[in-house]
All heavy atoms as atom14 arrays in JSON, in Angstrom:
{
  "sequence": "PETTAAICSARAGKLWDLEMIAENIEDSSTGWWDCLFLCGCWQADVDA",
  "atom14_mask": [
    [1, 1, 1, 1, 1, 1, 1, 0, 0, 0, 0, 0, 0, 0],
    [1, 1, 1, 1, 1, 1, 1, 1, 1, 0, 0, 0, 0, 0],
    [1, 1, 1, 1, 1, 1, 1, 0, 0, 0, 0, 0, 0, 0],
    [1, 1, 1, 1, 1, 1, 1, 0, 0, 0, 0, 0, 0, 0],
    [1, 1, 1, 1, 1, 0, 0, 0, 0, 0, 0, 0, 0, 0],
    [1, 1, 1, 1, 1, 0, 0, 0, 0, 0, 0, 0, 0, 0],
    [1, 1, 1, 1, 1, 1, 1, 1, 0, 0, 0, 0, 0, 0],
    [1, 1, 1, 1, 1, 1, 0, 0, 0, 0, 0, 0, 0, 0],
    [1, 1, 1, 1, 1, 1, 0, 0, 0, 0, 0, 0, 0, 0],
    [1, 1, 1, 1, 1, 0, 0, 0, 0, 0, 0, 0, 0, 0],
    [1, 1, 1, 1, 1, 1, 1, 1, 1, 1, 1, 0, 0, 0],
    [1, 1, 1, 1, 1, 0, 0, 0, 0, 0, 0, 0, 0, 0],
    [1, 1, 1, 1, 0, 0, 0, 0, 0, 0, 0, 0, 0, 0],
    [1, 1, 1, 1, 1, 1, 1, 1, 1, 0, 0, 0, 0, 0],
    [1, 1, 1, 1, 1, 1, 1, 1, 0, 0, 0, 0, 0, 0],
    [1, 1, 1, 1, 1, 1, 1, 1, 1, 1, 1, 1, 1, 1],
    [1, 1, 1, 1, 1, 1, 1, 1, 0, 0, 0, 0, 0, 0],
    [1, 1, 1, 1, 1, 1, 1, 1, 0, 0, 0, 0, 0, 0],
    [1, 1, 1, 1, 1, 1, 1, 1, 1, 0, 0, 0, 0, 0],
    [1, 1, 1, 1, 1, 1, 1, 1, 0, 0, 0, 0, 0, 0],
    [1, 1, 1, 1, 1, 1, 1, 1, 0, 0, 0, 0, 0, 0],
    [1, 1, 1, 1, 1, 0, 0, 0, 0, 0, 0, 0, 0, 0],
    [1, 1, 1, 1, 1, 1, 1, 1, 1, 0, 0, 0, 0, 0],
    [1, 1, 1, 1, 1, 1, 1, 1, 0, 0, 0, 0, 0, 0],
    [1, 1, 1, 1, 1, 1, 1, 1, 0, 0, 0, 0, 0, 0],
    [1, 1, 1, 1, 1, 1, 1, 1, 1, 0, 0, 0, 0, 0],
    [1, 1, 1, 1, 1, 1, 1, 1, 0, 0, 0, 0, 0, 0],
    [1, 1, 1, 1, 1, 1, 0, 0, 0, 0, 0, 0, 0, 0],
    [1, 1, 1, 1, 1, 1, 0, 0, 0, 0, 0, 0, 0, 0],
    [1, 1, 1, 1, 1, 1, 1, 0, 0, 0, 0, 0, 0, 0],
    [1, 1, 1, 1, 0, 0, 0, 0, 0, 0, 0, 0, 0, 0],
    [1, 1, 1, 1, 1, 1, 1, 1, 1, 1, 1, 1, 1, 1],
    [1, 1, 1, 1, 1, 1, 1, 1, 1, 1, 1, 1, 1, 1],
    [1, 1, 1, 1, 1, 1, 1, 1, 0, 0, 0, 0, 0, 0],
    [1, 1, 1, 1, 1, 1, 0, 0, 0, 0, 0, 0, 0, 0],
    [1, 1, 1, 1, 1, 1, 1, 1, 0, 0, 0, 0, 0, 0],
    [1, 1, 1, 1, 1, 1, 1, 1, 1, 1, 1, 0, 0, 0],
    [1, 1, 1, 1, 1, 1, 1, 1, 0, 0, 0, 0, 0, 0],
    [1, 1, 1, 1, 1, 1, 0, 0, 0, 0, 0, 0, 0, 0],
    [1, 1, 1, 1, 0, 0, 0, 0, 0, 0, 0, 0, 0, 0],
    [1, 1, 1, 1, 1, 1, 0, 0, 0, 0, 0, 0, 0, 0],
    [1, 1, 1, 1, 1, 1, 1, 1, 1, 1, 1, 1, 1, 1],
    [1, 1, 1, 1, 1, 1, 1, 1, 1, 0, 0, 0, 0, 0],
    [1, 1, 1, 1, 1, 0, 0, 0, 0, 0, 0, 0, 0, 0],
    [1, 1, 1, 1, 1, 1, 1, 1, 0, 0, 0, 0, 0, 0],
    [1, 1, 1, 1, 1, 1, 1, 0, 0, 0, 0, 0, 0, 0],
    [1, 1, 1, 1, 1, 1, 1, 1, 0, 0, 0, 0, 0, 0],
    [1, 1, 1, 1, 1, 0, 0, 0, 0, 0, 0, 0, 0, 0]
  ],
  "atom14_positions": [
    [[0.85, -1.2, 0.01], [-0.02, 0.02, 0.0], [0.83, 1.25, -0.02], [1.99, 1.28, 0.57], [-0.82, -0.16, 1.28], [-0.76, -1.55, 1.65], [0.54, -2.12, 1.15], [0.0, 0.0, 0.0], [0.0, 0.0, 0.0], [0.0, 0.0, 0.0], [0.0, 0.0, 0.0], [0.0, 0.0, 0.0], [0.0, 0.0, 0.0], [0.0, 0.0, 0.0]],
    [[0.34, 2.31, -0.65], [1.12, 3.55, -0.6], [1.32, 4.17, 0.7], [2.09, 5.14, 0.9], [0.5, 4.52, -1.62], [-0.88, 5.04, -1.26], [-1.42, 6.01, -2.24], [-0.85, 6.13, -3.4], [-2.3, 6.81, -1.85], [0.0, 0.0, 0.0], [0.0, 0.0, 0.0], [0.0, 0.0, 0.0], [0.0, 0.0, 0.0], [0.0, 0.0, 0.0]],
    [[0.53, 3.68, 1.67], [0.71, 4.14, 3.09], [1.87, 3.42, 3.8], [2.02, 3.59, 4.99], [-0.6, 3.96, 3.84], [-0.97, 2.59, 3.78], [-1.7, 4.86, 3.29], [0.0, 0.0, 0.0], [0.0, 0.0, 0.0], [0.0, 0.0, 0.0], [0.0, 0.0, 0.0], [0.0, 0.0, 0.0], [0.0, 0.0, 0.0], [0.0, 0.0, 0.0]],
    [[2.63, 2.64, 3.04], [3.78, 1.92, 3.59], [5.07, 2.68, 3.3], [5.24, 3.25, 2.13], [3.84, 0.53, 2.97], [2.63, -0.18, 3.28], [5.0, -0.25, 3.61], [0.0, 0.0, 0.0], [0.0, 0.0, 0.0], [0.0, 0.0, 0.0], [0.0, 0.0, 0.0], [0.0, 0.0, 0.0], [0.0, 0.0, 0.0], [0.0, 0.0, 0.0]],
    [[5.97, 2.67, 4.23], [7.38, 3.14, 3.96], [8.28, 1.91, 3.9], [7.9, 0.86, 4.43], [7.84, 4.05, 5.1], [0.0, 0.0, 0.0], [0.0, 0.0, 0.0], [0.0, 0.0, 0.0], [0.0, 0.0, 0.0], [0.0, 0.0, 0.0], [0.0, 0.0, 0.0], [0.0, 0.0, 0.0], [0.0, 0.0, 0.0], [0.0, 0.0, 0.0]],
    [[9.47, 2.03, 3.29], [10.33, 0.87, 3.13], [11.72, 1.23, 3.67], [12.23, 2.38, 3.42], [10.46, 0.48, 1.68], [0.0, 0.0, 0.0], [0.0, 0.0, 0.0], [0.0, 0.0, 0.0], [0.0, 0.0, 0.0], [0.0, 0.0, 0.0], [0.0, 0.0, 0.0], [0.0, 0.0, 0.0], [0.0, 0.0, 0.0], [0.0, 0.0, 0.0]],
    [[12.32, 0.38, 4.45], [13.68, 0.56, 4.96], [14.57, -0.27, 4.04], [14.37, -1.49, 3.88], [13.82, 0.06, 6.37], [12.98, 0.94, 7.33], [15.31, 0.11, 6.77], [12.97, 0.4, 8.77], [0.0, 0.0, 0.0], [0.0, 0.0, 0.0], [0.0, 0.0, 0.0], [0.0, 0.0, 0.0], [0.0, 0.0, 0.0], [0.0, 0.0, 0.0]],
    [[15.56, 0.38, 3.43], [16.43, -0.35, 2.47], [17.69, 0.54, 2.32], [17.81, 1.62, 2.96], [15.7, -0.51, 1.12], [15.13, 1.0, 0.32], [0.0, 0.0, 0.0], [0.0, 0.0, 0.0], [0.0, 0.0, 0.0], [0.0, 0.0, 0.0], [0.0, 0.0, 0.0], [0.0, 0.0, 0.0], [0.0, 0.0, 0.0], [0.0, 0.0, 0.0]],
    [[18.52, 0.12, 1.4], [19.7, 0.9, 1.14], [19.37, 2.13, 0.26], [18.37, 2.09, -0.38], [20.8, 0.02, 0.36], [20.28, -0.28, -0.92], [0.0, 0.0, 0.0], [0.0, 0.0, 0.0], [0.0, 0.0, 0.0], [0.0, 0.0, 0.0], [0.0, 0.0, 0.0], [0.0, 0.0, 0.0], [0.0, 0.0, 0.0], [0.0, 0.0, 0.0]],
    [[20.25, 3.09, 0.28], [20.0, 4.28, -0.56], [19.99, 3.87, -2.05], [19.12, 4.39, -2.8], [21.15, 5.31, -0.38], [0.0, 0.0, 0.0], [0.0, 0.0, 0.0], [0.0, 0.0, 0.0], [0.0, 0.0, 0.0], [0.0, 0.0, 0.0], [0.0, 0.0, 0.0], [0.0, 0.0, 0.0], [0.0, 0.0, 0.0], [0.0, 0.0, 0.0]],
    [[20.82, 2.89, -2.41], [20.84, 2.37, -3.8], [19.48, 1.81, -4.2], [19.02, 2.03, -5.28], [21.98, 1.46, -3.99], [22.05, 0.94, -5.45], [23.34, 0.15, -5.71], [23.4, -0.4, -7.05], [22.95, -1.53, -7.44], [22.42, -2.37, -6.53], [23.04, -1.93, -8.68], [0.0, 0.0, 0.0], [0.0, 0.0, 0.0], [0.0, 0.0, 0.0]],
    [[18.95, 0.92, -3.34], [17.67, 0.3, -3.69], [16.57, 1.32, -3.85], [15.78, 1.2, -4.79], [17.32, -0.72, -2.54], [0.0, 0.0, 0.0], [0.0, 0.0, 0.0], [0.0, 0.0, 0.0], [0.0, 0.0, 0.0], [0.0, 0.0, 0.0], [0.0, 0.0, 0.0], [0.0, 0.0, 0.0], [0.0, 0.0, 0.0], [0.0, 0.0, 0.0]],
    [[16.51, 2.32, -2.96], [15.45, 3.3, -3.08], [15.6, 4.11, -4.42], [14.6, 4.37, -5.05], [0.0, 0.0, 0.0], [0.0, 0.0, 0.0], [0.0, 0.0, 0.0], [0.0, 0.0, 0.0], [0.0, 0.0, 0.0], [0.0, 0.0, 0.0], [0.0, 0.0, 0.0], [0.0, 0.0, 0.0], [0.0, 0.0, 0.0], [0.0, 0.0, 0.0]],
    [[16.83, 4.41, -4.75], [16.98, 5.17, -5.97], [16.7, 4.35, -7.22], [16.19, 4.8, -8.24], [18.46, 5.65, -6.05], [18.71, 6.77, -4.99], [20.19, 7.15, -5.0], [20.44, 8.21, -3.92], [21.91, 8.53, -3.84], [0.0, 0.0, 0.0], [0.0, 0.0, 0.0], [0.0, 0.0, 0.0], [0.0, 0.0, 0.0], [0.0, 0.0, 0.0]],
    [[17.0, 3.02, -7.18], [16.7, 2.09, -8.26], [15.22, 2.14, -8.63], [14.9, 1.95, -9.8], [17.21, 0.66, -7.92], [18.74, 0.39, -8.12], [18.97, -1.03, -7.63], [19.09, 0.5, -9.64], [0.0, 0.0, 0.0], [0.0, 0.0, 0.0], [0.0, 0.0, 0.0], [0.0, 0.0, 0.0], [0.0, 0.0, 0.0], [0.0, 0.0, 0.0]],
    [[14.45, 2.3, -7.62], [12.99, 2.17, -7.78], [12.33, 3.6, -7.71], [11.11, 3.69, -7.58], [12.34, 1.28, -6.79], [12.78, -0.16, -7.1], [13.72, -0.95, -6.43], [12.25, -0.97, -8.11], [13.88, -2.17, -7.01], [12.95, -2.26, -8.06], [11.22, -0.82, -9.13], [12.7, -3.28, -8.91], [10.94, -1.85, -9.99], [11.66, -3.08, -9.87]],
    [[13.11, 4.62, -7.86], [12.61, 5.95, -7.94], [11.68, 6.37, -6.75], [10.65, 6.99, -6.88], [11.85, 6.19, -9.22], [12.75, 6.06, -10.45], [13.91, 6.53, -10.39], [12.31, 5.46, -11.47], [0.0, 0.0, 0.0], [0.0, 0.0, 0.0], [0.0, 0.0, 0.0], [0.0, 0.0, 0.0], [0.0, 0.0, 0.0], [0.0, 0.0, 0.0]],
    [[12.09, 5.91, -5.59], [11.34, 6.28, -4.4], [11.84, 7.54, -3.77], [12.96, 8.03, -4.1], [11.45, 5.16, -3.32], [10.87, 3.79, -3.8], [11.11, 2.78, -2.65], [9.31, 3.91, -4.05], [0.0, 0.0, 0.0], [0.0, 0.0, 0.0], [0.0, 0.0, 0.0], [0.0, 0.0, 0.0], [0.0, 0.0, 0.0], [0.0, 0.0, 0.0]],
    [[11.13, 8.11, -2.87], [11.51, 9.43, -2.26], [12.0, 9.14, -0.84], [11.3, 8.51, 0.0], [10.28, 10.36, -2.21], [10.61, 11.71, -1.61], [9.38, 12.63, -1.67], [8.51, 12.38, -2.51], [9.3, 13.58, -0.76], [0.0, 0.0, 0.0], [0.0, 0.0, 0.0], [0.0, 0.0, 0.0], [0.0, 0.0, 0.0], [0.0, 0.0, 0.0]],
    [[13.2, 9.59, -0.57], [13.82, 9.36, 0.75], [13.21, 10.31, 1.85], [13.09, 11.47, 1.58], [15.35, 9.66, 0.72], [16.06, 9.25, 2.04], [17.87, 9.67, 2.02], [18.4, 8.47, 0.77], [0.0, 0.0, 0.0], [0.0, 0.0, 0.0], [0.0, 0.0, 0.0], [0.0, 0.0, 0.0], [0.0, 0.0, 0.0], [0.0, 0.0, 0.0]],
    [[12.82, 9.69, 2.93], [12.33, 10.37, 4.11], [13.41, 10.71, 5.08], [13.52, 11.79, 5.67], [11.21, 9.61, 4.79], [10.04, 9.25, 3.82], [10.67, 10.37, 5.98], [9.06, 8.23, 4.43], [0.0, 0.0, 0.0], [0.0, 0.0, 0.0], [0.0, 0.0, 0.0], [0.0, 0.0, 0.0], [0.0, 0.0, 0.0], [0.0, 0.0, 0.0]],
    [[14.25, 9.66, 5.28], [15.35, 9.79, 6.29], [16.51, 8.95, 5.88], [16.29, 7.84, 5.29], [14.82, 9.48, 7.7], [0.0, 0.0, 0.0], [0.0, 0.0, 0.0], [0.0, 0.0, 0.0], [0.0, 0.0, 0.0], [0.0, 0.0, 0.0], [0.0, 0.0, 0.0], [0.0, 0.0, 0.0], [0.0, 0.0, 0.0], [0.0, 0.0, 0.0]],
    [[17.7, 9.42, 6.17], [18.89, 8.73, 5.82], [19.69, 8.25, 7.06], [19.54, 8.89, 8.06], [19.81, 9.64, 4.91], [21.0, 8.97, 4.31], [21.79, 9.87, 3.42], [21.52, 11.09, 3.47], [22.6, 9.4, 2.63], [0.0, 0.0, 0.0], [0.0, 0.0, 0.0], [0.0, 0.0, 0.0], [0.0, 0.0, 0.0], [0.0, 0.0, 0.0]],
    [[20.36, 7.11, 6.99], [21.15, 6.6, 8.06], [20.38, 6.49, 9.36], [20.7, 7.03, 10.4], [22.4, 7.52, 8.29], [23.36, 7.52, 7.1], [23.37, 6.55, 6.26], [24.05, 8.59, 6.97], [0.0, 0.0, 0.0], [0.0, 0.0, 0.0], [0.0, 0.0, 0.0], [0.0, 0.0, 0.0], [0.0, 0.0, 0.0], [0.0, 0.0, 0.0]],
    [[19.27, 5.68, 9.29], [18.42, 5.56, 10.48], [18.8, 4.4, 11.36], [18.06, 4.01, 12.28], [16.95, 5.45, 10.04], [16.67, 4.17, 9.22], [16.45, 6.72, 9.33], [15.2, 3.86, 9.0], [0.0, 0.0, 0.0], [0.0, 0.0, 0.0], [0.0, 0.0, 0.0], [0.0, 0.0, 0.0], [0.0, 0.0, 0.0], [0.0, 0.0, 0.0]],
    [[19.93, 3.69, 11.03], [20.39, 2.58, 11.86], [20.67, 3.1, 13.22], [21.22, 4.28, 13.35], [21.59, 1.9, 11.2], [22.84, 2.77, 11.08], [22.83, 3.65, 9.8], [21.83, 3.54, 9.01], [23.75, 4.33, 9.61], [0.0, 0.0, 0.0], [0.0, 0.0, 0.0], [0.0, 0.0, 0.0], [0.0, 0.0, 0.0], [0.0, 0.0, 0.0]],
    [[20.52, 2.31, 14.28], [20.75, 2.7, 15.66], [22.21, 2.92, 15.91], [22.54, 3.69, 16.76], [20.14, 1.63, 16.62], [18.65, 1.57, 16.61], [18.03, 2.52, 16.17], [18.11, 0.52, 16.89], [0.0, 0.0, 0.0], [0.0, 0.0, 0.0], [0.0, 0.0, 0.0], [0.0, 0.0, 0.0], [0.0, 0.0, 0.0], [0.0, 0.0, 0.0]],
    [[23.07, 2.18, 15.24], [24.53, 2.29, 15.45], [25.16, 2.76, 14.13], [24.98, 2.12, 13.1], [25.11, 0.97, 15.89], [26.56, 1.07, 15.86], [0.0, 0.0, 0.0], [0.0, 0.0, 0.0], [0.0, 0.0, 0.0], [0.0, 0.0, 0.0], [0.0, 0.0, 0.0], [0.0, 0.0, 0.0], [0.0, 0.0, 0.0], [0.0, 0.0, 0.0]],
    [[25.86, 3.89, 14.19], [26.47, 4.4, 12.96], [27.73, 3.59, 12.56], [28.28, 3.77, 11.42], [27.0, 5.86, 13.18], [27.89, 5.89, 14.27], [0.0, 0.0, 0.0], [0.0, 0.0, 0.0], [0.0, 0.0, 0.0], [0.0, 0.0, 0.0], [0.0, 0.0, 0.0], [0.0, 0.0, 0.0], [0.0, 0.0, 0.0], [0.0, 0.0, 0.0]],
    [[28.14, 2.69, 13.43], [29.28, 1.81, 13.12], [28.89, 0.46, 12.87], [29.69, -0.53, 13.0], [30.33, 1.89, 14.21], [29.74, 1.41, 15.48], [30.91, 3.31, 14.43], [0.0, 0.0, 0.0], [0.0, 0.0, 0.0], [0.0, 0.0, 0.0], [0.0, 0.0, 0.0], [0.0, 0.0, 0.0], [0.0, 0.0, 0.0], [0.0, 0.0, 0.0]],
    [[27.62, 0.23, 12.56], [27.13, -1.16, 12.35], [27.66, -1.81, 11.19], [28.03, -1.17, 10.18], [0.0, 0.0, 0.0], [0.0, 0.0, 0.0], [0.0, 0.0, 0.0], [0.0, 0.0, 0.0], [0.0, 0.0, 0.0], [0.0, 0.0, 0.0], [0.0, 0.0, 0.0], [0.0, 0.0, 0.0], [0.0, 0.0, 0.0], [0.0, 0.0, 0.0]],
    [[27.82, -3.12, 11.26], [28.38, -3.96, 10.11], [27.66, -5.21, 9.93], [26.86, -5.6, 10.84], [29.89, -4.21, 10.32], [30.29, -4.74, 11.75], [30.79, -4.03, 12.75], [30.07, -6.16, 12.17], [30.93, -4.84, 13.85], [30.53, -6.19, 13.47], [29.66, -7.3, 11.57], [30.46, -7.32, 14.26], [29.54, -8.45, 12.33], [30.01, -8.48, 13.66]],
    [[27.9, -5.85, 8.86], [27.26, -7.11, 8.48], [28.27, -8.03, 7.92], [28.91, -7.7, 6.95], [26.17, -6.83, 7.45], [25.15, -7.95, 7.25], [24.74, -8.86, 8.2], [24.42, -8.22, 6.08], [23.8, -9.68, 7.64], [23.59, -9.3, 6.31], [24.41, -7.65, 4.79], [22.75, -9.88, 5.38], [23.54, -8.22, 3.86], [22.74, -9.28, 4.12]],
    [[28.52, -9.24, 8.5], [29.37, -10.2, 7.96], [28.67, -10.94, 6.84], [27.63, -11.59, 7.02], [29.81, -11.25, 9.06], [30.98, -10.8, 9.86], [31.63, -9.84, 9.48], [31.27, -11.45, 10.87], [0.0, 0.0, 0.0], [0.0, 0.0, 0.0], [0.0, 0.0, 0.0], [0.0, 0.0, 0.0], [0.0, 0.0, 0.0], [0.0, 0.0, 0.0]],
    [[29.35, -10.91, 5.65], [28.84, -11.62, 4.49], [29.77, -12.77, 4.14], [30.98, -12.54, 3.95], [28.62, -10.73, 3.3], [27.27, -9.53, 3.58], [0.0, 0.0, 0.0], [0.0, 0.0, 0.0], [0.0, 0.0, 0.0], [0.0, 0.0, 0.0], [0.0, 0.0, 0.0], [0.0, 0.0, 0.0], [0.0, 0.0, 0.0], [0.0, 0.0, 0.0]],
    [[29.32, -13.94, 4.05], [30.16, -15.17, 3.8], [30.08, -15.57, 2.33], [29.04, -15.64, 1.75], [29.59, -16.29, 4.7], [30.33, -17.62, 4.65], [31.74, -17.49, 5.17], [29.59, -18.64, 5.4], [0.0, 0.0, 0.0], [0.0, 0.0, 0.0], [0.0, 0.0, 0.0], [0.0, 0.0, 0.0], [0.0, 0.0, 0.0], [0.0, 0.0, 0.0]],
    [[31.31, -15.85, 1.81], [31.49, -16.3, 0.45], [31.73, -17.79, 0.52], [32.8, -18.15, 1.13], [32.55, -15.55, -0.24], [32.7, -15.8, -1.74], [31.7, -16.22, -2.52], [33.93, -15.6, -2.33], [31.78, -16.44, -3.88], [34.09, -15.8, -3.69], [32.98, -16.2, -4.41], [0.0, 0.0, 0.0], [0.0, 0.0, 0.0], [0.0, 0.0, 0.0]],
    [[30.91, -18.62, 0.03], [31.16, -20.07, 0.25], [30.94, -20.87, -1.02], [30.27, -20.5, -1.95], [30.31, -20.52, 1.42], [28.8, -20.38, 1.3], [28.12, -21.52, 0.52], [28.12, -20.39, 2.73], [0.0, 0.0, 0.0], [0.0, 0.0, 0.0], [0.0, 0.0, 0.0], [0.0, 0.0, 0.0], [0.0, 0.0, 0.0], [0.0, 0.0, 0.0]],
    [[31.41, -22.13, -0.98], [30.96, -23.17, -1.93], [30.66, -24.37, -1.11], [31.12, -24.58, 0.03], [32.08, -23.45, -2.91], [33.68, -23.95, -2.21], [0.0, 0.0, 0.0], [0.0, 0.0, 0.0], [0.0, 0.0, 0.0], [0.0, 0.0, 0.0], [0.0, 0.0, 0.0], [0.0, 0.0, 0.0], [0.0, 0.0, 0.0], [0.0, 0.0, 0.0]],
    [[29.78, -25.23, -1.58], [29.2, -26.24, -0.74], [29.76, -27.69, -1.06], [30.2, -27.95, -2.14], [0.0, 0.0, 0.0], [0.0, 0.0, 0.0], [0.0, 0.0, 0.0], [0.0, 0.0, 0.0], [0.0, 0.0, 0.0], [0.0, 0.0, 0.0], [0.0, 0.0, 0.0], [0.0, 0.0, 0.0], [0.0, 0.0, 0.0], [0.0, 0.0, 0.0]],
    [[29.69, -28.52, -0.04], [30.1, -29.9, -0.15], [29.04, -30.77, 0.53], [28.76, -30.58, 1.75], [31.45, -30.09, 0.54], [32.71, -28.91, 0.09], [0.0, 0.0, 0.0], [0.0, 0.0, 0.0], [0.0, 0.0, 0.0], [0.0, 0.0, 0.0], [0.0, 0.0, 0.0], [0.0, 0.0, 0.0], [0.0, 0.0, 0.0], [0.0, 0.0, 0.0]],
    [[28.45, -31.69, -0.2], [27.38, -32.47, 0.35], [27.55, -33.99, 0.07], [27.94, -34.26, -1.16], [26.01, -32.07, -0.15], [25.73, -30.72, 0.29], [25.13, -30.3, 1.45], [25.86, -29.43, -0.42], [24.93, -28.95, 1.46], [25.41, -28.43, 0.34], [26.42, -29.21, -1.74], [25.42, -27.06, -0.05], [26.39, -27.83, -2.12], [25.96, -26.84, -1.3]],
    [[27.32, -34.82, 0.95], [27.24, -36.23, 0.81], [28.42, -36.83, 0.06], [29.6, -36.56, 0.35], [25.92, -36.64, 0.16], [24.72, -36.2, 0.96], [23.4, -36.41, 0.22], [23.31, -36.87, -0.89], [22.29, -36.03, 0.91], [0.0, 0.0, 0.0], [0.0, 0.0, 0.0], [0.0, 0.0, 0.0], [0.0, 0.0, 0.0], [0.0, 0.0, 0.0]],
    [[28.13, -37.68, -0.95], [29.24, -38.4, -1.66], [30.11, -37.42, -2.52], [31.21, -37.84, -2.97], [28.68, -39.47, -2.54], [0.0, 0.0, 0.0], [0.0, 0.0, 0.0], [0.0, 0.0, 0.0], [0.0, 0.0, 0.0], [0.0, 0.0, 0.0], [0.0, 0.0, 0.0], [0.0, 0.0, 0.0], [0.0, 0.0, 0.0], [0.0, 0.0, 0.0]],
    [[29.71, -36.22, -2.72], [30.44, -35.37, -3.63], [31.43, -34.51, -2.84], [32.06, -33.59, -3.47], [29.44, -34.33, -4.34], [28.48, -35.11, -5.26], [28.85, -36.14, -5.82], [27.41, -34.54, -5.41], [0.0, 0.0, 0.0], [0.0, 0.0, 0.0], [0.0, 0.0, 0.0], [0.0, 0.0, 0.0], [0.0, 0.0, 0.0], [0.0, 0.0, 0.0]],
    [[31.59, -34.76, -1.56], [32.5, -33.91, -0.79], [33.9, -33.83, -1.37], [34.41, -32.71, -1.61], [32.52, -34.36, 0.67], [33.59, -33.61, 1.42], [31.16, -34.2, 1.38], [0.0, 0.0, 0.0], [0.0, 0.0, 0.0], [0.0, 0.0, 0.0], [0.0, 0.0, 0.0], [0.0, 0.0, 0.0], [0.0, 0.0, 0.0], [0.0, 0.0, 0.0]],
    [[34.51, -34.92, -1.56], [35.96, -34.96, -2.06], [36.06, -34.33, -3.4], [36.95, -33.51, -3.67], [36.46, -36.39, -2.05], [36.58, -36.95, -0.67], [36.64, -36.21, 0.3], [36.62, -38.2, -0.55], [0.0, 0.0, 0.0], [0.0, 0.0, 0.0], [0.0, 0.0, 0.0], [0.0, 0.0, 0.0], [0.0, 0.0, 0.0], [0.0, 0.0, 0.0]],
    [[35.08, -34.64, -4.29], [35.17, -34.06, -5.6], [35.0, -32.6, -5.64], [35.67, -31.85, -6.34], [34.07, -34.75, -6.5], [0.0, 0.0, 0.0], [0.0, 0.0, 0.0], [0.0, 0.0, 0.0], [0.0, 0.0, 0.0], [0.0, 0.0, 0.0], [0.0, 0.0, 0.0], [0.0, 0.0, 0.0], [0.0, 0.0, 0.0], [0.0, 0.0, 0.0]]
  ]
}
């Protein structure tokens, strides 16, 4: 609904031509997110 606001990155909002209400609303200005880069190994295929 148009009565909804969305929390997202500045890039996402701009990609969809939305209007910014507030910037940097995270509670901690030094917040971070660990992102893991992985490849998987399952069952009999582990060694391969």
